[in-house]
Protein backbone atom coordinates (compact mmCIF):
# COMPACT_ATOMS: atom_id res chain seq x y z
CA MET A 1 0.00 -0.01 0.06
CA SER A 2 1.41 3.45 -0.91
CA PRO A 3 2.28 5.89 1.94
CA GLY A 4 -0.51 8.21 0.96
CA ARG A 5 -3.24 5.62 0.62
CA ARG A 6 -5.72 5.32 3.49
CA LEU A 7 -7.41 2.33 4.87
CA PRO A 8 -11.15 1.96 4.19
CA ALA A 9 -13.23 3.46 7.00
CA THR A 10 -14.71 0.16 8.02
CA THR A 11 -11.19 -1.53 8.27
CA SER A 12 -9.86 1.43 10.29
CA ARG A 13 -12.79 1.23 12.72
CA LEU A 14 -12.39 -2.52 13.00
CA GLY A 15 -8.79 -2.04 14.05
CA GLU A 16 -9.83 0.57 16.57
CA VAL A 17 -12.36 -1.75 18.05
CA ALA A 18 -9.86 -4.60 18.22
CA ARG A 19 -7.17 -2.51 19.95
CA LEU A 20 -9.50 -1.04 22.50
CA PHE A 21 -11.17 -4.25 23.61
CA LEU A 22 -7.91 -6.26 23.65
CA ARG A 23 -6.59 -3.68 26.10
CA LEU A 24 -9.70 -3.53 28.14
CA GLY A 25 -9.88 -7.32 28.30
CA ALA A 26 -6.31 -7.46 29.66
CA VAL A 27 -6.82 -4.80 32.36
CA ALA A 28 -10.59 -4.85 33.21
CA PHE A 29 -10.59 -5.98 36.87
CA GLY A 30 -13.36 -5.40 39.34
CA GLY A 31 -16.43 -7.04 37.81
CA PRO A 32 -19.18 -5.91 35.33
CA ALA A 33 -19.90 -2.54 36.90
CA ALA A 34 -16.24 -1.61 36.70
CA HIS A 35 -15.92 -2.97 33.16
CA ILE A 36 -18.87 -0.90 31.96
CA ALA A 37 -17.53 2.21 33.69
CA MET A 38 -14.21 1.79 31.86
CA MET A 39 -16.08 1.33 28.55
CA HIS A 40 -18.06 4.51 29.16
CA ASP A 41 -14.89 6.48 29.77
CA GLU A 42 -13.33 5.14 26.56
CA VAL A 43 -16.26 5.21 24.08
CA VAL A 44 -18.20 8.13 25.33
CA THR A 45 -15.86 10.48 27.08
CA ARG A 46 -12.59 9.99 25.25
CA ARG A 47 -13.46 8.73 21.79
CA ARG A 48 -17.01 9.98 21.42
CA TRP A 49 -18.12 6.85 19.50
CA LEU A 50 -21.50 7.05 21.31
CA THR A 51 -23.56 9.68 22.96
CA GLU A 52 -24.51 9.44 26.62
CA GLN A 53 -28.04 8.38 25.71
CA GLN A 54 -26.88 5.78 23.22
CA PHE A 55 -24.60 4.23 25.89
CA LEU A 56 -27.43 4.21 28.45
CA ASP A 57 -29.67 2.48 25.87
CA LEU A 58 -27.10 -0.23 25.38
CA VAL A 59 -26.77 -0.70 29.19
CA GLY A 60 -30.51 -1.16 29.48
CA ALA A 61 -30.55 -3.70 26.69
CA THR A 62 -27.92 -5.86 28.37
CA ASN A 63 -30.15 -6.12 31.43
CA LEU A 64 -33.04 -7.52 29.34
CA ILE A 65 -31.11 -10.46 27.89
CA PRO A 66 -29.21 -13.38 29.46
CA GLY A 67 -25.48 -13.42 29.63
CA PRO A 68 -22.54 -11.45 30.99
CA ASN A 69 -23.48 -7.74 30.97
CA SER A 70 -20.01 -6.27 30.33
CA THR A 71 -19.18 -8.70 27.57
CA GLU A 72 -22.51 -7.91 25.91
CA MET A 73 -21.75 -4.22 26.29
CA ALA A 74 -18.48 -4.79 24.38
CA ILE A 75 -20.33 -6.60 21.62
CA HIS A 76 -22.98 -3.87 21.35
CA VAL A 77 -20.32 -1.15 21.20
CA GLY A 78 -18.36 -3.09 18.51
CA HIS A 79 -21.57 -3.37 16.42
CA GLN A 80 -22.35 0.32 16.73
CA ARG A 81 -18.80 1.29 15.78
CA ALA A 82 -17.98 -1.23 13.00
CA GLY A 83 -21.07 -3.18 12.09
CA TRP A 84 -21.41 -7.02 12.13
CA ARG A 85 -17.69 -7.58 11.95
CA GLY A 86 -17.18 -5.15 14.82
CA LEU A 87 -19.72 -7.19 16.85
CA ILE A 88 -17.63 -10.34 16.56
CA VAL A 89 -14.20 -8.60 16.90
CA ALA A 90 -15.13 -6.64 20.04
CA GLY A 91 -16.54 -9.67 21.82
CA VAL A 92 -13.62 -11.95 20.94
CA CYS A 93 -11.00 -9.40 21.82
CA PHE A 94 -12.64 -8.65 25.15
CA ILE A 95 -12.81 -12.39 26.06
CA MET A 96 -9.44 -13.56 24.68
CA PRO A 97 -7.03 -12.04 27.24
CA ALA A 98 -8.96 -13.51 30.18
CA MET A 99 -9.30 -16.92 28.48
CA VAL A 100 -5.57 -17.14 27.93
CA ILE A 101 -4.75 -16.02 31.52
CA VAL A 102 -7.23 -18.36 33.07
CA THR A 103 -6.01 -21.26 30.99
CA ALA A 104 -2.48 -20.62 32.34
CA PHE A 105 -3.80 -20.60 35.87
CA ALA A 106 -5.75 -23.79 35.18
CA ARG A 107 -2.62 -25.55 34.03
CA LEU A 108 -0.77 -24.51 37.19
CA TYR A 109 -3.83 -25.66 39.28
CA VAL A 110 -3.93 -29.10 37.65
CA ARG A 111 -0.22 -29.59 38.23
CA TYR A 112 0.21 -27.99 41.65
CA GLY A 113 -3.30 -27.44 43.08
CA SER A 114 -3.08 -30.36 45.51
CA THR A 115 0.31 -29.32 46.93
CA PRO A 116 0.46 -27.74 50.41
CA GLN A 117 1.79 -24.37 48.95
CA ALA A 118 -1.13 -24.04 46.50
CA GLY A 119 -3.53 -25.23 49.11
CA TRP A 120 -2.48 -22.42 51.57
CA LEU A 121 -2.66 -19.91 48.77
CA LEU A 122 -6.23 -20.83 48.00
CA TRP A 123 -6.95 -20.92 51.77
CA GLY A 124 -6.30 -17.21 51.79
CA VAL A 125 -8.18 -16.36 48.66
CA LYS A 126 -11.40 -18.23 49.25
CA PRO A 127 -12.63 -16.19 52.24
CA VAL A 128 -12.03 -13.06 50.25
CA VAL A 129 -14.12 -14.34 47.38
CA ILE A 130 -17.00 -15.09 49.73
CA ALA A 131 -16.79 -11.56 51.10
CA ILE A 132 -16.73 -10.11 47.57
CA ILE A 133 -19.86 -12.03 46.66
CA VAL A 134 -21.69 -11.01 49.83
CA GLN A 135 -20.86 -7.39 49.21
CA ALA A 136 -22.13 -7.51 45.62
CA LEU A 137 -25.25 -9.24 46.80
CA TRP A 138 -25.90 -6.42 49.26
CA LEU A 139 -25.33 -3.68 46.77
CA LEU A 140 -27.47 -5.28 44.03
CA GLY A 141 -30.15 -6.30 46.52
CA ARG A 142 -30.80 -2.71 47.59
CA LYS A 143 -31.59 -1.83 43.99
CA ALA A 144 -33.48 -4.99 42.95
CA ALA A 145 -35.65 -5.74 46.00
CA ARG A 146 -37.87 -2.62 45.68
CA GLY A 147 -41.05 -3.20 47.70
CA LEU A 148 -42.48 -6.12 49.60
CA LEU A 149 -43.42 -8.15 46.52
CA LEU A 150 -39.88 -8.23 45.09
CA ALA A 151 -38.31 -8.84 48.40
CA GLY A 152 -40.74 -11.67 49.20
CA VAL A 153 -40.11 -13.34 45.77
CA GLY A 154 -36.36 -13.06 46.32
CA LEU A 155 -36.67 -14.67 49.76
CA GLY A 156 -38.87 -17.44 48.35
CA VAL A 157 -36.25 -18.22 45.63
CA PHE A 158 -33.55 -18.36 48.31
CA VAL A 159 -35.50 -20.85 50.35
CA LEU A 160 -36.53 -23.02 47.45
CA GLN A 161 -33.08 -23.10 45.97
CA LEU A 162 -31.75 -24.35 49.35
CA ALA A 163 -34.50 -26.96 49.26
CA GLY A 164 -33.27 -28.29 45.87
CA VAL A 165 -35.58 -26.63 43.29
CA HIS A 166 -34.17 -26.21 39.83
CA GLU A 167 -32.61 -22.82 39.28
CA LEU A 168 -34.12 -22.26 35.77
CA LEU A 169 -37.65 -22.91 37.05
CA LEU A 170 -37.08 -20.46 39.88
CA LEU A 171 -35.88 -17.70 37.53
CA PHE A 172 -38.77 -17.90 35.15
CA ALA A 173 -41.42 -18.56 37.75
CA ALA A 174 -40.29 -15.51 39.68
CA GLY A 175 -40.31 -13.41 36.52
CA LEU A 176 -43.90 -14.50 35.69
CA VAL A 177 -45.15 -13.86 39.23
CA VAL A 178 -43.77 -10.32 39.34
CA MET A 179 -44.90 -9.59 35.72
CA VAL A 180 -48.51 -10.67 36.43
CA ALA A 181 -48.72 -8.99 39.79
CA SER A 182 -47.28 -5.66 38.39
CA ASN A 183 -49.47 -5.53 35.34
CA VAL A 184 -52.82 -6.47 36.89
CA LYS A 185 -52.06 -3.96 39.69
CA ARG A 186 -52.94 -6.45 42.41
CA PRO A 187 -49.88 -6.57 44.66
CA LEU A 188 -48.95 -9.91 46.25
CA SER A 189 -47.82 -10.05 49.82
CA PRO A 190 -44.30 -11.42 50.45
CA SER A 191 -45.65 -14.67 51.80
CA LEU A 192 -47.99 -15.09 48.86
CA GLY A 193 -45.08 -14.53 46.44
CA SER A 194 -43.27 -17.43 47.96
CA VAL A 195 -46.37 -19.61 48.00
CA VAL A 196 -47.14 -18.95 44.35
CA LEU A 197 -43.66 -20.05 43.26
CA ALA A 198 -43.92 -23.54 44.79
CA PRO A 199 -47.18 -24.65 42.99
CA ILE A 200 -45.81 -23.36 39.70
CA LEU A 201 -42.67 -25.37 40.11
CA GLY A 202 -44.42 -28.43 41.49
CA VAL A 203 -41.34 -29.58 43.42
CA ASN A 204 -40.28 -29.73 47.05
CA ALA A 205 -37.28 -30.41 49.21
CA THR A 206 -37.04 -33.99 47.94
CA ALA A 207 -36.70 -32.83 44.27
CA ALA A 208 -32.93 -32.72 44.40
CA ALA A 209 -31.53 -35.68 42.54
CA ALA A 210 -29.41 -38.07 44.50
CA GLY A 211 -25.71 -37.45 44.07
CA VAL A 212 -25.00 -40.07 41.40
CA ALA A 213 -22.06 -39.24 39.17
CA THR A 214 -22.66 -38.84 35.45
CA PRO A 215 -19.97 -40.03 33.07
CA PHE A 216 -18.02 -37.09 31.60
CA SER A 217 -18.22 -36.24 27.93
CA LEU A 218 -17.28 -33.16 25.88
CA GLN A 219 -20.68 -33.07 24.30
CA LEU A 220 -22.45 -32.82 27.66
CA LEU A 221 -19.91 -30.24 28.85
CA ALA A 222 -20.62 -28.11 25.79
CA LEU A 223 -24.37 -28.42 26.14
CA THR A 224 -24.28 -27.52 29.87
CA PHE A 225 -22.31 -24.29 29.27
CA LEU A 226 -24.40 -23.43 26.20
CA LYS A 227 -27.56 -23.79 28.37
CA ILE A 228 -26.04 -21.61 31.08
CA GLY A 229 -25.03 -18.91 28.64
CA ALA A 230 -28.49 -18.90 27.03
CA VAL A 231 -30.53 -18.55 30.23
CA LEU A 232 -28.45 -16.90 32.95
CA PHE A 233 -29.74 -13.49 33.97
CA GLY A 234 -28.24 -11.12 36.54
CA SER A 235 -24.78 -10.69 37.94
CA GLY A 236 -21.96 -13.04 36.90
CA TYR A 237 -22.02 -14.37 40.51
CA VAL A 238 -25.35 -16.16 39.69
CA LEU A 239 -23.15 -18.34 37.55
CA LEU A 240 -22.10 -20.05 40.77
CA ALA A 241 -25.62 -21.31 41.28
CA PHE A 242 -25.81 -22.87 37.83
CA LEU A 243 -22.34 -24.35 37.96
CA ARG A 244 -22.93 -25.94 41.34
CA ALA A 245 -26.32 -27.32 40.42
CA ASP A 246 -25.01 -29.03 37.29
CA LEU A 247 -21.28 -29.78 37.76
CA VAL A 248 -21.27 -30.50 41.50
CA VAL A 249 -24.75 -31.80 42.42
CA ARG A 250 -26.13 -33.42 39.27
CA PHE A 251 -23.07 -34.63 37.44
CA GLY A 252 -20.55 -34.98 40.25
CA TRP A 253 -17.69 -33.68 38.05
CA LEU A 254 -16.46 -31.16 40.48
CA THR A 255 -16.32 -30.73 44.23
CA ASP A 256 -17.46 -27.61 46.15
CA GLN A 257 -13.77 -26.84 46.82
CA GLN A 258 -12.88 -27.01 43.12
CA LEU A 259 -15.79 -24.76 42.24
CA VAL A 260 -14.69 -22.12 44.81
CA ASP A 261 -11.15 -22.44 43.40
CA ALA A 262 -12.47 -21.81 39.90
CA VAL A 263 -14.30 -18.68 41.08
CA ALA A 264 -11.21 -17.47 42.91
CA VAL A 265 -9.21 -17.72 39.66
CA GLY A 266 -11.98 -15.78 37.88
CA GLN A 267 -11.74 -13.07 40.49
CA VAL A 268 -7.98 -12.65 40.39
CA THR A 269 -7.89 -12.44 36.56
CA PRO A 270 -9.20 -9.59 34.43
CA GLY A 271 -12.18 -9.74 32.06
CA PRO A 272 -15.55 -11.45 32.46
CA LEU A 273 -16.22 -13.89 35.36
CA PHE A 274 -17.70 -16.22 32.80
CA THR A 275 -14.18 -17.31 31.96
CA THR A 276 -14.60 -19.45 35.07
CA ALA A 277 -15.90 -21.86 32.31
CA THR A 278 -12.48 -21.85 30.74
CA PHE A 279 -10.88 -22.96 34.05
CA ILE A 280 -13.46 -25.70 34.64
CA GLY A 281 -13.22 -26.91 31.11
CA TYR A 282 -9.44 -27.20 31.37
CA VAL A 283 -9.62 -29.05 34.75
CA LEU A 284 -12.06 -31.50 33.31
CA ALA A 285 -10.65 -32.06 29.74
CA GLY A 286 -7.52 -29.95 29.14
CA ILE A 287 -7.23 -27.50 26.22
CA PRO A 288 -10.18 -29.00 24.22
CA GLY A 289 -12.42 -28.66 27.34
CA ALA A 290 -11.26 -25.13 27.96
CA LEU A 291 -11.92 -23.96 24.40
CA LEU A 292 -15.24 -25.76 24.15
CA ALA A 293 -16.57 -24.49 27.47
CA THR A 294 -15.55 -20.90 26.64
CA VAL A 295 -17.17 -20.81 23.20
CA ALA A 296 -20.31 -22.58 24.45
CA ILE A 297 -20.97 -20.14 27.41
CA PHE A 298 -20.30 -16.93 25.33
CA LEU A 299 -21.96 -17.87 22.06
CA PRO A 300 -25.47 -17.07 23.15
CA SER A 301 -24.41 -13.52 24.08
CA PHE A 302 -23.24 -12.80 20.43
CA ILE A 303 -26.59 -14.08 19.13
CA PHE A 304 -28.69 -12.22 21.62
CA VAL A 305 -26.97 -8.95 21.00
CA ALA A 306 -27.25 -9.41 17.21
CA VAL A 307 -31.03 -10.00 17.55
CA THR A 308 -31.80 -7.35 20.14
CA ASN A 309 -29.68 -4.45 19.03
CA PRO A 310 -32.24 -3.14 16.51
CA LEU A 311 -35.03 -3.53 19.12
CA ILE A 312 -33.46 -1.59 21.95
CA PRO A 313 -35.74 1.54 21.79
CA ARG A 314 -38.90 -0.57 21.87
CA MET A 315 -37.56 -2.76 24.70
CA ARG A 316 -36.79 0.22 26.87
CA ARG A 317 -40.38 1.43 26.70
CA SER A 318 -42.05 -1.98 27.46
CA ARG A 319 -43.60 -2.02 30.93
CA THR A 320 -44.23 -5.80 30.57
CA ILE A 321 -40.67 -6.69 29.77
CA GLY A 322 -39.51 -4.39 32.55
CA SER A 323 -41.62 -6.08 35.21
CA LEU A 324 -40.56 -9.60 33.96
CA LEU A 325 -36.91 -8.43 34.28
CA ASP A 326 -37.55 -7.18 37.80
CA GLY A 327 -38.68 -10.58 38.86
CA ILE A 328 -35.79 -12.39 37.18
CA ASN A 329 -33.28 -9.97 38.70
CA VAL A 330 -34.55 -10.49 42.29
CA ALA A 331 -34.67 -14.25 41.68
CA SER A 332 -31.05 -14.05 40.55
CA LEU A 333 -30.16 -12.44 43.87
CA GLY A 334 -32.04 -15.18 45.72
CA LEU A 335 -29.87 -17.75 43.86
CA MET A 336 -26.78 -15.77 44.67
CA ALA A 337 -27.62 -15.78 48.38
CA ALA A 338 -28.29 -19.55 48.45
CA VAL A 339 -25.09 -20.52 46.66
CA THR A 340 -23.08 -18.11 48.77
CA ALA A 341 -24.40 -19.87 51.96
CA GLN A 342 -23.48 -23.23 50.45
CA LEU A 343 -20.01 -22.24 49.42
CA GLY A 344 -19.44 -20.44 52.71
CA ARG A 345 -19.94 -23.61 54.55
CA SER A 346 -17.17 -25.31 52.57
CA SER A 347 -14.80 -22.35 52.60
CA LEU A 348 -15.01 -20.80 56.09
CA THR A 349 -13.93 -23.85 57.88
CA ASP A 350 -12.03 -22.34 60.84
CA VAL A 351 -11.69 -19.12 62.91
CA PRO A 352 -8.85 -17.61 60.80
CA SER A 353 -10.70 -18.07 57.54
CA ALA A 354 -13.88 -16.61 58.99
CA ALA A 355 -11.87 -13.64 60.35
CA MET A 356 -10.32 -13.08 56.94
CA ALA A 357 -13.79 -12.98 55.41
CA ALA A 358 -14.87 -10.40 57.99
CA ILE A 359 -11.78 -8.20 57.47
CA ALA A 360 -12.28 -8.36 53.64
CA MET A 361 -15.85 -7.26 54.11
CA VAL A 362 -14.89 -4.29 56.22
CA LEU A 363 -12.19 -3.25 53.68
CA LEU A 364 -14.70 -3.53 50.83
CA VAL A 365 -17.52 -1.67 52.53
CA ARG A 366 -15.78 0.87 54.70
CA PHE A 367 -12.62 1.67 52.64
CA ARG A 368 -13.78 0.64 49.16
CA ILE A 369 -10.59 -1.33 48.47
CA ASN A 370 -10.47 -2.74 44.97
CA SER A 371 -11.32 -6.40 44.98
CA THR A 372 -8.26 -7.33 43.01
CA TRP A 373 -5.98 -6.02 45.81
CA LEU A 374 -8.04 -7.93 48.36
CA ILE A 375 -7.60 -11.11 46.37
CA ALA A 376 -3.81 -10.48 46.18
CA GLY A 377 -3.84 -9.81 49.98
CA GLY A 378 -5.63 -13.06 50.64
CA ALA A 379 -3.11 -14.95 48.46
CA MET A 380 -0.29 -13.30 50.44
CA ALA A 381 -1.92 -14.26 53.79
CA GLY A 382 -2.15 -17.83 52.58
CA ILE A 383 1.57 -17.88 51.59
CA LEU A 384 2.59 -16.36 54.89
CA ARG A 385 0.57 -18.95 56.81
CA ALA A 386 2.25 -21.77 54.82
CA MET A 387 5.69 -20.33 55.72
CA LEU A 388 4.80 -20.18 59.40
CA VAL A 389 3.14 -23.55 59.77
């Protein structure tokens, strides 16, 4: 190409999208809210690719579809800036750095995870992970549980999840209950919200399947993560409920400890928490498992964004969709609370680990310490304990 010749506008924009989201994917610590704030600074304030209103419209749209919100924001922005190719490039570039880093961690975990040194390292990280989840649950809960109906439905989901009710049924039943109650203008009491959920689901405490291990296969692994990516609403932490229900309880492929370890790695690395799937895939089946799990869990997000992007203005104005989303969001928090209680029992096993969780909570709430530094501090505490024991 001659020095004076310029690249076509679409090619130039595609390069801009690739460079931006590769960088963000490599440094975006702190969870979806932090990721979206970083994107806002880059694409609205600095580059002016979008107006404030356009960016807000995209944020609203990501809350109306399943999948990881910050990844879907990257995909939306890529589409707005560089069309259909930009949609794909932005999503892949945002996911790729985290996938590579998590795969490296998974290789180390498979080789050294059972050694005393790695065990003490994770001993320090796990309580911090629990504290981070609890803090996120509290912040999200104050926004989602608006009024007695939503609070009651969330509490009902929490109780029914602990009783063994399937998480997908809980999500959609909660959404339907709130949608009906909101649109007929006949509020349900908190107790009634919980009572309505149970008959819809038609299950009780004995519904949980007995812990019989299912033979592992790559096909079932892919289908499991494809299902999760296609139906998971809410914070990335709700992923824990789905992973535990399928991979720990139903299939018996992972232990609770391994699941917490996977989430800890997802916390200490940048990018979307959904790359926890990469870690789990590698632990179960090496590189093929890591690639397959990653593609399967993120593929629905690309499809949903492609379908909904033209519909965003109409979706924002829909009262029915909004009330359905309210119910699904509060149910997601109920699932988060239930799985946090379950994982806490397996992670906070002694006084020092419980004390570490409490200290991490104080640092998060009172001093607003970045979660990345807390994870690093927990790891250092684990290493120090290993040296002293």
